Amino acid sequence: MIRRISILDRSRTREGHPAPQALRDTVELARAAERLGYHRFWVSEHHSVPGVAGSAPTVLAAAVAGATRRIRVGTGGVMLPNHQPLVVAEQFGVLESLFPGRIDMGLGRSVGFTGGIRRALGRDTGDADRFEEQLAELLGWLDGTQRAHPEVHARPAEGLRIPAYVLATGEGAGIAARAGLPLVVGDLRARERVAQAARRYRAEFRPSAAGSEPYVVVSGTVAVADTPEAARRILIPEAWSLAHSRTRGSFPPLRPAEEVEALAMTPKERELYEGGLAGHVHGTQEQVAKQLAEVAEQTGADELLVTTSTYDRTALLDSFERLARLAGLTGPAGSAGL
């Protein structure tokens, strides 16, 4: 079994529930995660997506940290190409100052997924290619080594120890290795690709002030229930939302599983929907324990970051409770270590 398990919540909106409720649901889930003994709780960054309320991860992380006491809190991640590194450093400096020893800085290299969003953010697709440069600048603001603006200091961030993590997309594994930072890679539907990224990262890792050894976090959907059928139903709303987005160009709020099952789908929608259900870790506690053991063997992961979203919040919480039991999480979570 992977020794540490954490949660990334994307603040998915649900049909009939407005975006503010999704954000409140995220905060409530964080409280439950702390009670159950999960290691950390992260939130994400998405812009102009109808199905996601989490557009300002550092703001939401502050709400989560304020509502909890011990669990580590962070971002999965702040998309660095969308922001000035100085501003990101300042935001995390404020978070770490308010909640010392509990803040993680997960960083990704994606930009807005449509031209309109990128224009609104003042960015273009080429900005993602500058991620490694931006990452170095951001780390320099934190440790005081940046020299591009010698008269400027990131207050109150400079001098604080805020663990940074690199979310792997494309070249992300190599960037994390060269920076000597922990790697976050997903998703578990493509386990061999995840395993390859982890192997490359370990082979190229350069020790740094952030860590002397590689550290791999694998992320993906995990659904646990009393029957395989019930676990599969947890996956249905997200699978349909994904199929809808790829056929109609809009990522919608989650719908109840029974509504999705009653839909008439085109052949293409059905193909995408069934594909969206395939490959995830799901089933009874015994089945999921076996699957996670296989993931651990394939990837050598140090940590699992669970990204499950669904319409039924009761079923979601039950799944996290079952996962905590099978993993032997002792709760409440502490803030020590990575």
C-alpha atoms as a PDB file:
ATOM      1  CA  MET A   1       0.000   0.000   0.000  1.00  0.00           C
ATOM      2  CA  ILE A   2       1.184   3.532  -0.768  1.00  0.00           C
ATOM      3  CA  ARG A   3       2.246   5.019   2.550  1.00  0.00           C
ATOM      4  CA  ARG A   4       0.587   8.433   2.257  1.00  0.00           C
ATOM      5  CA  ILE A   5      -2.826   9.287   0.817  1.00  0.00           C
ATOM      6  CA  SER A   6      -4.119  12.771   0.102  1.00  0.00           C
ATOM      7  CA  ILE A   7      -7.055  14.454  -1.653  1.00  0.00           C
ATOM      8  CA  LEU A   8      -7.296  16.958  -4.496  1.00  0.00           C
ATOM      9  CA  ASP A   9     -10.768  18.490  -4.810  1.00  0.00           C
ATOM     10  CA  ARG A  10     -11.623  20.447  -7.967  1.00  0.00           C
ATOM     11  CA  SER A  11     -14.760  22.088  -6.548  1.00  0.00           C
ATOM     12  CA  ARG A  12     -16.954  20.490  -9.211  1.00  0.00           C
ATOM     13  CA  THR A  13     -20.356  22.073  -9.576  1.00  0.00           C
ATOM     14  CA  ARG A  14     -23.463  19.905  -9.558  1.00  0.00           C
ATOM     15  CA  GLU A  15     -26.694  20.285 -11.454  1.00  0.00           C
ATOM     16  CA  GLY A  16     -29.140  22.232  -9.260  1.00  0.00           C
ATOM     17  CA  HIS A  17     -26.374  23.418  -6.923  1.00  0.00           C
ATOM     18  CA  PRO A  18     -24.750  26.805  -7.640  1.00  0.00           C
ATOM     19  CA  ALA A  19     -21.000  27.385  -7.709  1.00  0.00           C
ATOM     20  CA  PRO A  20     -20.898  28.867  -4.175  1.00  0.00           C
ATOM     21  CA  GLN A  21     -22.188  25.529  -2.869  1.00  0.00           C
ATOM     22  CA  ALA A  22     -19.330  23.713  -4.633  1.00  0.00           C
ATOM     23  CA  LEU A  23     -16.826  25.878  -2.778  1.00  0.00           C
ATOM     24  CA  ARG A  24     -18.544  25.259   0.543  1.00  0.00           C
ATOM     25  CA  ASP A  25     -18.574  21.529  -0.269  1.00  0.00           C
ATOM     26  CA  THR A  26     -14.804  21.694  -0.779  1.00  0.00           C
ATOM     27  CA  VAL A  27     -14.288  23.218   2.656  1.00  0.00           C
ATOM     28  CA  GLU A  28     -16.537  20.605   4.273  1.00  0.00           C
ATOM     29  CA  LEU A  29     -14.693  17.797   2.507  1.00  0.00           C
ATOM     30  CA  ALA A  30     -11.399  19.179   3.821  1.00  0.00           C
ATOM     31  CA  ARG A  31     -12.741  18.964   7.364  1.00  0.00           C
ATOM     32  CA  ALA A  32     -13.713  15.344   6.753  1.00  0.00           C
ATOM     33  CA  ALA A  33     -10.308  14.580   5.217  1.00  0.00           C
ATOM     34  CA  GLU A  34      -8.590  15.887   8.329  1.00  0.00           C
ATOM     35  CA  ARG A  35     -10.855  13.829  10.575  1.00  0.00           C
ATOM     36  CA  LEU A  36     -10.130  10.693   8.533  1.00  0.00           C
ATOM     37  CA  GLY A  37      -6.356  11.123   8.623  1.00  0.00           C
ATOM     38  CA  TYR A  38      -5.542  12.110   5.041  1.00  0.00           C
ATOM     39  CA  HIS A  39      -2.097  13.644   4.680  1.00  0.00           C
ATOM     40  CA  ARG A  40      -2.908  16.758   2.665  1.00  0.00           C
ATOM     41  CA  PHE A  41      -5.817  18.490   0.930  1.00  0.00           C
ATOM     42  CA  TRP A  42      -5.269  20.409  -2.302  1.00  0.00           C
ATOM     43  CA  VAL A  43      -7.473  22.601  -4.504  1.00  0.00           C
ATOM     44  CA  SER A  44      -7.164  23.393  -8.209  1.00  0.00           C
ATOM     45  CA  GLU A  45      -7.196  26.266 -10.701  1.00  0.00           C
ATOM     46  CA  HIS A  46      -9.644  26.412 -13.634  1.00  0.00           C
ATOM     47  CA  HIS A  47     -10.855  29.488 -15.483  1.00  0.00           C
ATOM     48  CA  SER A  48     -14.240  29.967 -17.198  1.00  0.00           C
ATOM     49  CA  VAL A  49     -15.235  26.310 -16.848  1.00  0.00           C
ATOM     50  CA  PRO A  50     -18.990  25.932 -16.141  1.00  0.00           C
ATOM     51  CA  GLY A  51     -18.442  22.723 -14.215  1.00  0.00           C
ATOM     52  CA  VAL A  52     -15.681  23.952 -11.891  1.00  0.00           C
ATOM     53  CA  ALA A  53     -15.987  26.675  -9.231  1.00  0.00           C
ATOM     54  CA  GLY A  54     -12.334  26.676  -8.166  1.00  0.00           C
ATOM     55  CA  SER A  55     -10.802  29.568 -10.105  1.00  0.00           C
ATOM     56  CA  ALA A  56      -8.674  31.119  -7.333  1.00  0.00           C
ATOM     57  CA  PRO A  57      -6.779  28.314  -5.578  1.00  0.00           C
ATOM     58  CA  THR A  58      -4.787  30.384  -3.093  1.00  0.00           C
ATOM     59  CA  VAL A  59      -7.975  32.099  -1.918  1.00  0.00           C
ATOM     60  CA  LEU A  60      -9.746  28.757  -1.540  1.00  0.00           C
ATOM     61  CA  ALA A  61      -6.694  27.239   0.174  1.00  0.00           C
ATOM     62  CA  ALA A  62      -6.919  30.018   2.763  1.00  0.00           C
ATOM     63  CA  ALA A  63     -10.546  29.104   3.458  1.00  0.00           C
ATOM     64  CA  VAL A  64      -9.635  25.414   3.754  1.00  0.00           C
ATOM     65  CA  ALA A  65      -6.698  26.081   6.057  1.00  0.00           C
ATOM     66  CA  GLY A  66      -8.850  28.350   8.220  1.00  0.00           C
ATOM     67  CA  ALA A  67     -11.480  25.626   8.568  1.00  0.00           C
ATOM     68  CA  THR A  68      -8.966  22.913   9.560  1.00  0.00           C
ATOM     69  CA  ARG A  69      -6.245  22.610  12.171  1.00  0.00           C
ATOM     70  CA  ARG A  70      -3.612  20.043  11.210  1.00  0.00           C
ATOM     71  CA  ILE A  71      -3.949  18.708   7.665  1.00  0.00           C
ATOM     72  CA  ARG A  72      -1.535  20.104   5.076  1.00  0.00           C
ATOM     73  CA  VAL A  73      -3.249  22.428   2.587  1.00  0.00           C
ATOM     74  CA  GLY A  74      -2.156  23.480  -0.864  1.00  0.00           C
ATOM     75  CA  THR A  75      -2.752  23.763  -4.572  1.00  0.00           C
ATOM     76  CA  GLY A  76      -2.867  21.178  -7.272  1.00  0.00           C
ATOM     77  CA  GLY A  77      -2.011  23.473  -8.678  1.00  0.00           C
ATOM     78  CA  VAL A  78      -1.449  27.112  -9.333  1.00  0.00           C
ATOM     79  CA  MET A  79      -0.872  27.333 -13.096  1.00  0.00           C
ATOM     80  CA  LEU A  80       2.304  29.377 -13.049  1.00  0.00           C
ATOM     81  CA  PRO A  81       2.166  30.565 -16.685  1.00  0.00           C
ATOM     82  CA  ASN A  82      -1.063  32.419 -15.809  1.00  0.00           C
ATOM     83  CA  HIS A  83       0.631  34.537 -13.127  1.00  0.00           C
ATOM     84  CA  GLN A  84       3.641  36.661 -12.275  1.00  0.00           C
ATOM     85  CA  PRO A  85       6.023  34.618 -10.062  1.00  0.00           C
ATOM     86  CA  LEU A  86       6.368  37.515  -7.614  1.00  0.00           C
ATOM     87  CA  VAL A  87       2.614  37.576  -7.002  1.00  0.00           C
ATOM     88  CA  VAL A  88       2.524  33.803  -6.516  1.00  0.00           C
ATOM     89  CA  ALA A  89       5.374  34.041  -4.014  1.00  0.00           C
ATOM     90  CA  GLU A  90       3.569  36.787  -2.110  1.00  0.00           C
ATOM     91  CA  GLN A  91       0.318  34.808  -1.996  1.00  0.00           C
ATOM     92  CA  PHE A  92       1.996  31.703  -0.633  1.00  0.00           C
ATOM     93  CA  GLY A  93       4.018  33.811   1.770  1.00  0.00           C
ATOM     94  CA  VAL A  94       0.777  35.128   3.233  1.00  0.00           C
ATOM     95  CA  LEU A  95      -0.651  31.602   3.455  1.00  0.00           C
ATOM     96  CA  GLU A  96       2.453  30.205   5.160  1.00  0.00           C
ATOM     97  CA  SER A  97       2.554  33.160   7.560  1.00  0.00           C
ATOM     98  CA  LEU A  98      -1.060  32.592   8.583  1.00  0.00           C
ATOM     99  CA  PHE A  99      -0.849  28.784   8.713  1.00  0.00           C
ATOM    100  CA  PRO A 100       2.817  27.978   9.432  1.00  0.00           C
ATOM    101  CA  GLY A 101       4.072  24.514   8.565  1.00  0.00           C
ATOM    102  CA  ARG A 102       0.900  23.467   6.741  1.00  0.00           C
ATOM    103  CA  ILE A 103       1.107  25.011   3.265  1.00  0.00           C
ATOM    104  CA  ASP A 104       2.107  23.256   0.020  1.00  0.00           C
ATOM    105  CA  MET A 105       2.786  25.034  -3.269  1.00  0.00           C
ATOM    106  CA  GLY A 106       1.741  22.740  -6.107  1.00  0.00           C
ATOM    107  CA  LEU A 107       2.601  24.303  -9.489  1.00  0.00           C
ATOM    108  CA  GLY A 108       1.482  23.432 -13.017  1.00  0.00           C
ATOM    109  CA  ARG A 109       2.427  24.627 -16.487  1.00  0.00           C
ATOM    110  CA  SER A 110      -0.981  24.776 -18.194  1.00  0.00           C
ATOM    111  CA  VAL A 111      -2.543  27.915 -19.618  1.00  0.00           C
ATOM    112  CA  GLY A 112      -6.226  28.615 -20.312  1.00  0.00           C
ATOM    113  CA  PHE A 113      -7.706  25.915 -22.531  1.00  0.00           C
ATOM    114  CA  THR A 114      -9.402  28.258 -25.034  1.00  0.00           C
ATOM    115  CA  GLY A 115      -8.126  31.277 -26.921  1.00  0.00           C
ATOM    116  CA  GLY A 116     -10.684  33.504 -25.241  1.00  0.00           C
ATOM    117  CA  ILE A 117      -9.543  32.508 -21.751  1.00  0.00           C
ATOM    118  CA  ARG A 118      -5.897  32.962 -22.667  1.00  0.00           C
ATOM    119  CA  ARG A 119      -6.582  36.422 -24.051  1.00  0.00           C
ATOM    120  CA  ALA A 120      -8.540  37.366 -20.920  1.00  0.00           C
ATOM    121  CA  LEU A 121      -5.579  36.238 -18.791  1.00  0.00           C
ATOM    122  CA  GLY A 122      -3.115  38.076 -21.039  1.00  0.00           C
ATOM    123  CA  ARG A 123      -1.368  34.831 -21.949  1.00  0.00           C
ATOM    124  CA  ASP A 124      -0.862  32.559 -24.943  1.00  0.00           C
ATOM    125  CA  THR A 125       0.127  28.936 -25.450  1.00  0.00           C
ATOM    126  CA  GLY A 126       3.817  29.819 -25.677  1.00  0.00           C
ATOM    127  CA  ASP A 127       3.837  30.942 -22.047  1.00  0.00           C
ATOM    128  CA  ALA A 128       3.751  27.299 -20.957  1.00  0.00           C
ATOM    129  CA  ASP A 129       7.187  26.875 -22.533  1.00  0.00           C
ATOM    130  CA  ARG A 130       8.600  29.355 -20.008  1.00  0.00           C
ATOM    131  CA  PHE A 131       7.492  27.308 -17.008  1.00  0.00           C
ATOM    132  CA  GLU A 132      10.968  26.175 -15.986  1.00  0.00           C
ATOM    133  CA  GLU A 133      12.231  29.762 -16.112  1.00  0.00           C
ATOM    134  CA  GLN A 134       9.216  30.991 -14.128  1.00  0.00           C
ATOM    135  CA  LEU A 135       9.689  28.215 -11.571  1.00  0.00           C
ATOM    136  CA  ALA A 136      13.305  29.229 -10.993  1.00  0.00           C
ATOM    137  CA  GLU A 137      12.237  32.855 -10.578  1.00  0.00           C
ATOM    138  CA  LEU A 138       9.521  31.899  -8.094  1.00  0.00           C
ATOM    139  CA  LEU A 139      11.923  29.838  -6.001  1.00  0.00           C
ATOM    140  CA  GLY A 140      14.349  32.751  -6.099  1.00  0.00           C
ATOM    141  CA  TRP A 141      11.719  35.074  -4.638  1.00  0.00           C
ATOM    142  CA  LEU A 142      11.295  32.622  -1.756  1.00  0.00           C
ATOM    143  CA  ASP A 143      14.944  32.088  -0.870  1.00  0.00           C
ATOM    144  CA  GLY A 144      16.089  35.618  -1.702  1.00  0.00           C
ATOM    145  CA  THR A 145      18.423  34.605  -4.544  1.00  0.00           C
ATOM    146  CA  GLN A 146      16.593  36.260  -7.451  1.00  0.00           C
ATOM    147  CA  ARG A 147      18.669  39.002  -9.063  1.00  0.00           C
ATOM    148  CA  ALA A 148      16.464  40.176 -11.915  1.00  0.00           C
ATOM    149  CA  HIS A 149      14.910  42.811  -9.641  1.00  0.00           C
ATOM    150  CA  PRO A 150      17.492  43.457  -6.900  1.00  0.00           C
ATOM    151  CA  GLU A 151      15.497  46.285  -5.335  1.00  0.00           C
ATOM    152  CA  VAL A 152      12.372  44.124  -4.923  1.00  0.00           C
ATOM    153  CA  HIS A 153      11.587  41.544  -2.230  1.00  0.00           C
ATOM    154  CA  ALA A 154       8.646  39.169  -1.893  1.00  0.00           C
ATOM    155  CA  ARG A 155       7.105  40.052   1.455  1.00  0.00           C
ATOM    156  CA  PRO A 156       6.365  38.095   3.599  1.00  0.00           C
ATOM    157  CA  ALA A 157       7.491  35.107   1.533  1.00  0.00           C
ATOM    158  CA  GLU A 158      11.252  35.672   1.434  1.00  0.00           C
ATOM    159  CA  GLY A 159      13.002  33.307   3.812  1.00  0.00           C
ATOM    160  CA  LEU A 160       9.988  31.077   4.449  1.00  0.00           C
ATOM    161  CA  ARG A 161      10.160  27.361   3.725  1.00  0.00           C
ATOM    162  CA  ILE A 162       7.177  26.547   1.509  1.00  0.00           C
ATOM    163  CA  PRO A 163       7.418  23.085  -0.100  1.00  0.00           C
ATOM    164  CA  ALA A 164       7.004  23.245  -3.890  1.00  0.00           C
ATOM    165  CA  TYR A 165       5.663  20.432  -6.086  1.00  0.00           C
ATOM    166  CA  VAL A 166       5.686  20.179  -9.887  1.00  0.00           C
ATOM    167  CA  LEU A 167       2.600  18.830 -11.642  1.00  0.00           C
ATOM    168  CA  ALA A 168       3.821  16.807 -14.611  1.00  0.00           C
ATOM    169  CA  THR A 169       2.474  17.505 -18.087  1.00  0.00           C
ATOM    170  CA  GLY A 170       4.753  16.803 -21.024  1.00  0.00           C
ATOM    171  CA  GLU A 171       8.186  17.962 -19.853  1.00  0.00           C
ATOM    172  CA  GLY A 172       7.079  18.304 -16.243  1.00  0.00           C
ATOM    173  CA  ALA A 173       8.942  15.208 -15.036  1.00  0.00           C
ATOM    174  CA  GLY A 174      12.258  16.494 -16.337  1.00  0.00           C
ATOM    175  CA  ILE A 175      11.649  19.965 -14.943  1.00  0.00           C
ATOM    176  CA  ALA A 176      10.857  18.556 -11.495  1.00  0.00           C
ATOM    177  CA  ALA A 177      13.981  16.397 -11.605  1.00  0.00           C
ATOM    178  CA  ARG A 178      16.272  19.260 -12.616  1.00  0.00           C
ATOM    179  CA  ALA A 179      14.809  21.486  -9.892  1.00  0.00           C
ATOM    180  CA  GLY A 180      15.118  18.755  -7.260  1.00  0.00           C
ATOM    181  CA  LEU A 181      11.423  19.052  -6.400  1.00  0.00           C
ATOM    182  CA  PRO A 182       8.728  16.437  -5.730  1.00  0.00           C
ATOM    183  CA  LEU A 183       6.783  15.259  -8.792  1.00  0.00           C
ATOM    184  CA  VAL A 184       2.981  14.943  -9.069  1.00  0.00           C
ATOM    185  CA  VAL A 185       1.907  12.819 -12.031  1.00  0.00           C
ATOM    186  CA  GLY A 186      -1.412  11.329 -13.199  1.00  0.00           C
ATOM    187  CA  ASP A 187      -3.769   9.913 -14.104  1.00  0.00           C
ATOM    188  CA  LEU A 188      -3.982   6.261 -13.138  1.00  0.00           C
ATOM    189  CA  ARG A 189      -5.944   5.282 -16.236  1.00  0.00           C
ATOM    190  CA  ALA A 190      -2.604   5.459 -18.066  1.00  0.00           C
ATOM    191  CA  ARG A 191      -0.474   3.648 -15.515  1.00  0.00           C
ATOM    192  CA  GLU A 192       2.408   2.766 -17.802  1.00  0.00           C
ATOM    193  CA  ARG A 193       2.752   6.408 -18.842  1.00  0.00           C
ATOM    194  CA  VAL A 194       2.696   7.405 -15.169  1.00  0.00           C
ATOM    195  CA  ALA A 195       5.298   4.752 -14.390  1.00  0.00           C
ATOM    196  CA  GLN A 196       7.512   5.955 -17.258  1.00  0.00           C
ATOM    197  CA  ALA A 197       7.335   9.550 -16.026  1.00  0.00           C
ATOM    198  CA  ALA A 198       8.249   8.406 -12.515  1.00  0.00           C
ATOM    199  CA  ARG A 199      11.211   6.387 -13.804  1.00  0.00           C
ATOM    200  CA  ARG A 200      12.500   9.294 -15.864  1.00  0.00           C
ATOM    201  CA  TYR A 201      12.137  11.642 -12.916  1.00  0.00           C
ATOM    202  CA  ARG A 202      14.055   9.348 -10.569  1.00  0.00           C
ATOM    203  CA  ALA A 203      16.812   8.782 -13.129  1.00  0.00           C
ATOM    204  CA  GLU A 204      17.301  12.520 -13.745  1.00  0.00           C
ATOM    205  CA  PHE A 205      16.718  13.794 -10.201  1.00  0.00           C
ATOM    206  CA  ARG A 206      19.237  16.300  -8.875  1.00  0.00           C
ATOM    207  CA  PRO A 207      19.332  16.791  -5.097  1.00  0.00           C
ATOM    208  CA  SER A 208      18.503  20.324  -4.021  1.00  0.00           C
ATOM    209  CA  ALA A 209      17.797  22.402  -0.948  1.00  0.00           C
ATOM    210  CA  ALA A 210      14.218  21.197  -1.264  1.00  0.00           C
ATOM    211  CA  GLY A 211      15.120  17.531  -0.959  1.00  0.00           C
ATOM    212  CA  SER A 212      17.943  15.032  -1.274  1.00  0.00           C
ATOM    213  CA  GLU A 213      15.781  12.205  -2.655  1.00  0.00           C
ATOM    214  CA  PRO A 214      13.104  11.916  -5.360  1.00  0.00           C
ATOM    215  CA  TYR A 215       9.493  12.005  -4.186  1.00  0.00           C
ATOM    216  CA  VAL A 216       6.666  10.831  -6.443  1.00  0.00           C
ATOM    217  CA  VAL A 217       2.974  11.582  -5.955  1.00  0.00           C
ATOM    218  CA  VAL A 218       0.642   9.713  -8.321  1.00  0.00           C
ATOM    219  CA  SER A 219      -2.860  11.081  -8.813  1.00  0.00           C
ATOM    220  CA  GLY A 220      -6.112   9.607 -10.032  1.00  0.00           C
ATOM    221  CA  THR A 221      -9.703   8.681  -9.338  1.00  0.00           C
ATOM    222  CA  VAL A 222     -10.425   6.113  -6.621  1.00  0.00           C
ATOM    223  CA  ALA A 223     -13.967   4.982  -5.770  1.00  0.00           C
ATOM    224  CA  VAL A 224     -14.723   2.529  -2.968  1.00  0.00           C
ATOM    225  CA  ALA A 225     -18.161   1.128  -2.086  1.00  0.00           C
ATOM    226  CA  ASP A 226     -19.799  -1.984  -0.698  1.00  0.00           C
ATOM    227  CA  THR A 227     -20.258  -3.443  -4.205  1.00  0.00           C
ATOM    228  CA  PRO A 228     -18.418  -2.997  -7.519  1.00  0.00           C
ATOM    229  CA  GLU A 229     -21.639  -1.669  -9.040  1.00  0.00           C
ATOM    230  CA  ALA A 230     -21.996   1.030  -6.390  1.00  0.00           C
ATOM    231  CA  ALA A 231     -18.367   2.060  -6.875  1.00  0.00           C
ATOM    232  CA  ARG A 232     -18.920   2.321 -10.629  1.00  0.00           C
ATOM    233  CA  ARG A 233     -21.917   4.589 -10.079  1.00  0.00           C
ATOM    234  CA  ILE A 234     -19.645   7.050  -8.290  1.00  0.00           C
ATOM    235  CA  LEU A 235     -17.699   7.368 -11.555  1.00  0.00           C
ATOM    236  CA  ILE A 236     -20.710   7.923 -13.820  1.00  0.00           C
ATOM    237  CA  PRO A 237     -21.333  11.699 -13.417  1.00  0.00           C
ATOM    238  CA  GLU A 238     -17.717  12.635 -14.199  1.00  0.00           C
ATOM    239  CA  ALA A 239     -17.545  10.185 -17.116  1.00  0.00           C
ATOM    240  CA  TRP A 240     -20.633  11.752 -18.699  1.00  0.00           C
ATOM    241  CA  SER A 241     -19.376  15.287 -18.103  1.00  0.00           C
ATOM    242  CA  LEU A 242     -16.146  14.387 -19.895  1.00  0.00           C
ATOM    243  CA  ALA A 243     -18.027  12.820 -22.824  1.00  0.00           C
ATOM    244  CA  HIS A 244     -20.257  15.900 -23.038  1.00  0.00           C
ATOM    245  CA  SER A 245     -17.264  18.235 -23.124  1.00  0.00           C
ATOM    246  CA  ARG A 246     -15.588  16.328 -25.924  1.00  0.00           C
ATOM    247  CA  THR A 247     -18.676  16.193 -28.124  1.00  0.00           C
ATOM    248  CA  ARG A 248     -20.262  19.580 -27.369  1.00  0.00           C
ATOM    249  CA  GLY A 249     -17.334  21.753 -26.312  1.00  0.00           C
ATOM    250  CA  SER A 250     -18.608  22.550 -22.821  1.00  0.00           C
ATOM    251  CA  PHE A 251     -17.626  20.939 -19.515  1.00  0.00           C
ATOM    252  CA  PRO A 252     -20.955  20.906 -17.640  1.00  0.00           C
ATOM    253  CA  PRO A 253     -21.959  20.517 -13.988  1.00  0.00           C
ATOM    254  CA  LEU A 254     -22.246  16.951 -12.724  1.00  0.00           C
ATOM    255  CA  ARG A 255     -25.587  15.187 -13.120  1.00  0.00           C
ATOM    256  CA  PRO A 256     -26.988  12.392 -10.918  1.00  0.00           C
ATOM    257  CA  ALA A 257     -25.923   8.916 -12.006  1.00  0.00           C
ATOM    258  CA  GLU A 258     -29.519   7.780 -12.552  1.00  0.00           C
ATOM    259  CA  GLU A 259     -30.131  10.664 -14.960  1.00  0.00           C
ATOM    260  CA  VAL A 260     -27.023   9.823 -16.932  1.00  0.00           C
ATOM    261  CA  GLU A 261     -27.939   6.154 -17.137  1.00  0.00           C
ATOM    262  CA  ALA A 262     -31.325   7.108 -18.617  1.00  0.00           C
ATOM    263  CA  LEU A 263     -29.841   9.304 -21.358  1.00  0.00           C
ATOM    264  CA  ALA A 264     -29.997   8.398 -25.042  1.00  0.00           C
ATOM    265  CA  MET A 265     -26.413   8.778 -26.274  1.00  0.00           C
ATOM    266  CA  THR A 266     -25.020   8.986 -29.756  1.00  0.00           C
ATOM    267  CA  PRO A 267     -22.478   6.288 -30.668  1.00  0.00           C
ATOM    268  CA  LYS A 268     -19.644   8.791 -30.194  1.00  0.00           C
ATOM    269  CA  GLU A 269     -21.002   9.929 -26.824  1.00  0.00           C
ATOM    270  CA  ARG A 270     -21.379   6.315 -25.718  1.00  0.00           C
ATOM    271  CA  GLU A 271     -17.800   5.540 -26.762  1.00  0.00           C
ATOM    272  CA  LEU A 272     -16.414   8.505 -24.841  1.00  0.00           C
ATOM    273  CA  TYR A 273     -18.629   7.821 -21.836  1.00  0.00           C
ATOM    274  CA  GLU A 274     -17.550   4.187 -21.582  1.00  0.00           C
ATOM    275  CA  GLY A 275     -13.950   5.286 -22.032  1.00  0.00           C
ATOM    276  CA  GLY A 276     -14.396   7.751 -19.185  1.00  0.00           C
ATOM    277  CA  LEU A 277     -15.477   4.904 -16.919  1.00  0.00           C
ATOM    278  CA  ALA A 278     -12.571   2.632 -17.799  1.00  0.00           C
ATOM    279  CA  GLY A 279      -9.265   2.285 -16.018  1.00  0.00           C
ATOM    280  CA  HIS A 280     -10.036   3.974 -12.721  1.00  0.00           C
ATOM    281  CA  VAL A 281      -9.277   2.341  -9.377  1.00  0.00           C
ATOM    282  CA  HIS A 282     -12.676   1.305  -8.073  1.00  0.00           C
ATOM    283  CA  GLY A 283     -14.565  -1.516  -6.391  1.00  0.00           C
ATOM    284  CA  THR A 284     -14.946  -2.957  -2.928  1.00  0.00           C
ATOM    285  CA  GLN A 285     -12.314  -2.331  -0.261  1.00  0.00           C
ATOM    286  CA  GLU A 286     -10.638  -5.643  -1.066  1.00  0.00           C
ATOM    287  CA  GLN A 287     -10.616  -4.944  -4.802  1.00  0.00           C
ATOM    288  CA  VAL A 288      -9.286  -1.414  -4.365  1.00  0.00           C
ATOM    289  CA  ALA A 289      -6.588  -2.599  -1.954  1.00  0.00           C
ATOM    290  CA  LYS A 290      -5.368  -5.042  -4.607  1.00  0.00           C
ATOM    291  CA  GLN A 291      -5.430  -2.396  -7.344  1.00  0.00           C
ATOM    292  CA  LEU A 292      -3.530   0.114  -5.206  1.00  0.00           C
ATOM    293  CA  ALA A 293      -0.917  -2.507  -4.405  1.00  0.00           C
ATOM    294  CA  GLU A 294      -0.447  -2.927  -8.157  1.00  0.00           C
ATOM    295  CA  VAL A 295      -0.150   0.858  -8.593  1.00  0.00           C
ATOM    296  CA  ALA A 296       2.471   0.966  -5.853  1.00  0.00           C
ATOM    297  CA  GLU A 297       4.456  -1.824  -7.494  1.00  0.00           C
ATOM    298  CA  GLN A 298       4.228  -0.263 -10.976  1.00  0.00           C
ATOM    299  CA  THR A 299       5.080   3.301 -10.003  1.00  0.00           C
ATOM    300  CA  GLY A 300       6.971   3.094  -6.712  1.00  0.00           C
ATOM    301  CA  ALA A 301       4.827   6.024  -5.586  1.00  0.00           C
ATOM    302  CA  ASP A 302       5.530   7.679  -2.261  1.00  0.00           C
ATOM    303  CA  GLU A 303       2.042   9.181  -2.105  1.00  0.00           C
ATOM    304  CA  LEU A 304      -1.399   8.845  -3.708  1.00  0.00           C
ATOM    305  CA  LEU A 305      -3.408  11.982  -4.494  1.00  0.00           C
ATOM    306  CA  VAL A 306      -7.077  11.049  -4.948  1.00  0.00           C
ATOM    307  CA  THR A 307      -9.016  13.244  -7.399  1.00  0.00           C
ATOM    308  CA  THR A 308     -12.508  11.703  -7.279  1.00  0.00           C
ATOM    309  CA  SER A 309     -15.523  13.884  -8.083  1.00  0.00           C
ATOM    310  CA  THR A 310     -19.187  12.842  -8.218  1.00  0.00           C
ATOM    311  CA  TYR A 311     -22.709  14.192  -7.841  1.00  0.00           C
ATOM    312  CA  ASP A 312     -23.645  12.223  -4.713  1.00  0.00           C
ATOM    313  CA  ARG A 313     -21.691  13.806  -1.874  1.00  0.00           C
ATOM    314  CA  THR A 314     -22.826  11.113   0.588  1.00  0.00           C
ATOM    315  CA  ALA A 315     -21.422   8.393  -1.643  1.00  0.00           C
ATOM    316  CA  LEU A 316     -18.229  10.408  -2.113  1.00  0.00           C
ATOM    317  CA  LEU A 317     -17.668  10.807   1.618  1.00  0.00           C
ATOM    318  CA  ASP A 318     -18.424   7.119   2.171  1.00  0.00           C
ATOM    319  CA  SER A 319     -15.816   6.264  -0.462  1.00  0.00           C
ATOM    320  CA  PHE A 320     -13.193   8.387   1.279  1.00  0.00           C
ATOM    321  CA  GLU A 321     -14.089   6.804   4.618  1.00  0.00           C
ATOM    322  CA  ARG A 322     -13.688   3.299   3.182  1.00  0.00           C
ATOM    323  CA  LEU A 323     -10.392   4.242   1.544  1.00  0.00           C
ATOM    324  CA  ALA A 324      -9.112   5.624   4.838  1.00  0.00           C
ATOM    325  CA  ARG A 325      -9.999   2.370   6.592  1.00  0.00           C
ATOM    326  CA  LEU A 326      -8.372   0.091   4.037  1.00  0.00           C
ATOM    327  CA  ALA A 327      -5.232   2.274   4.016  1.00  0.00           C
ATOM    328  CA  GLY A 328      -5.048   2.252   7.797  1.00  0.00           C
ATOM    329  CA  LEU A 329      -5.087   6.029   8.111  1.00  0.00           C
ATOM    330  CA  THR A 330      -5.037   6.863  11.777  1.00  0.00           C
ATOM    331  CA  GLY A 331      -6.531  10.419  11.750  1.00  0.00           C
ATOM    332  CA  PRO A 332      -6.492  13.171  12.564  1.00  0.00           C
ATOM    333  CA  ALA A 333      -3.921  14.278   9.991  1.00  0.00           C
ATOM    334  CA  GLY A 334      -0.646  15.821  11.043  1.00  0.00           C
ATOM    335  CA  SER A 335       1.495  18.415   9.289  1.00  0.00           C
ATOM    336  CA  ALA A 336       4.908  16.778   9.540  1.00  0.00           C
ATOM    337  CA  GLY A 337       7.066  15.878   6.572  1.00  0.00           C
ATOM    338  CA  LEU A 338       6.540  16.451   2.870  1.00  0.00           C
END
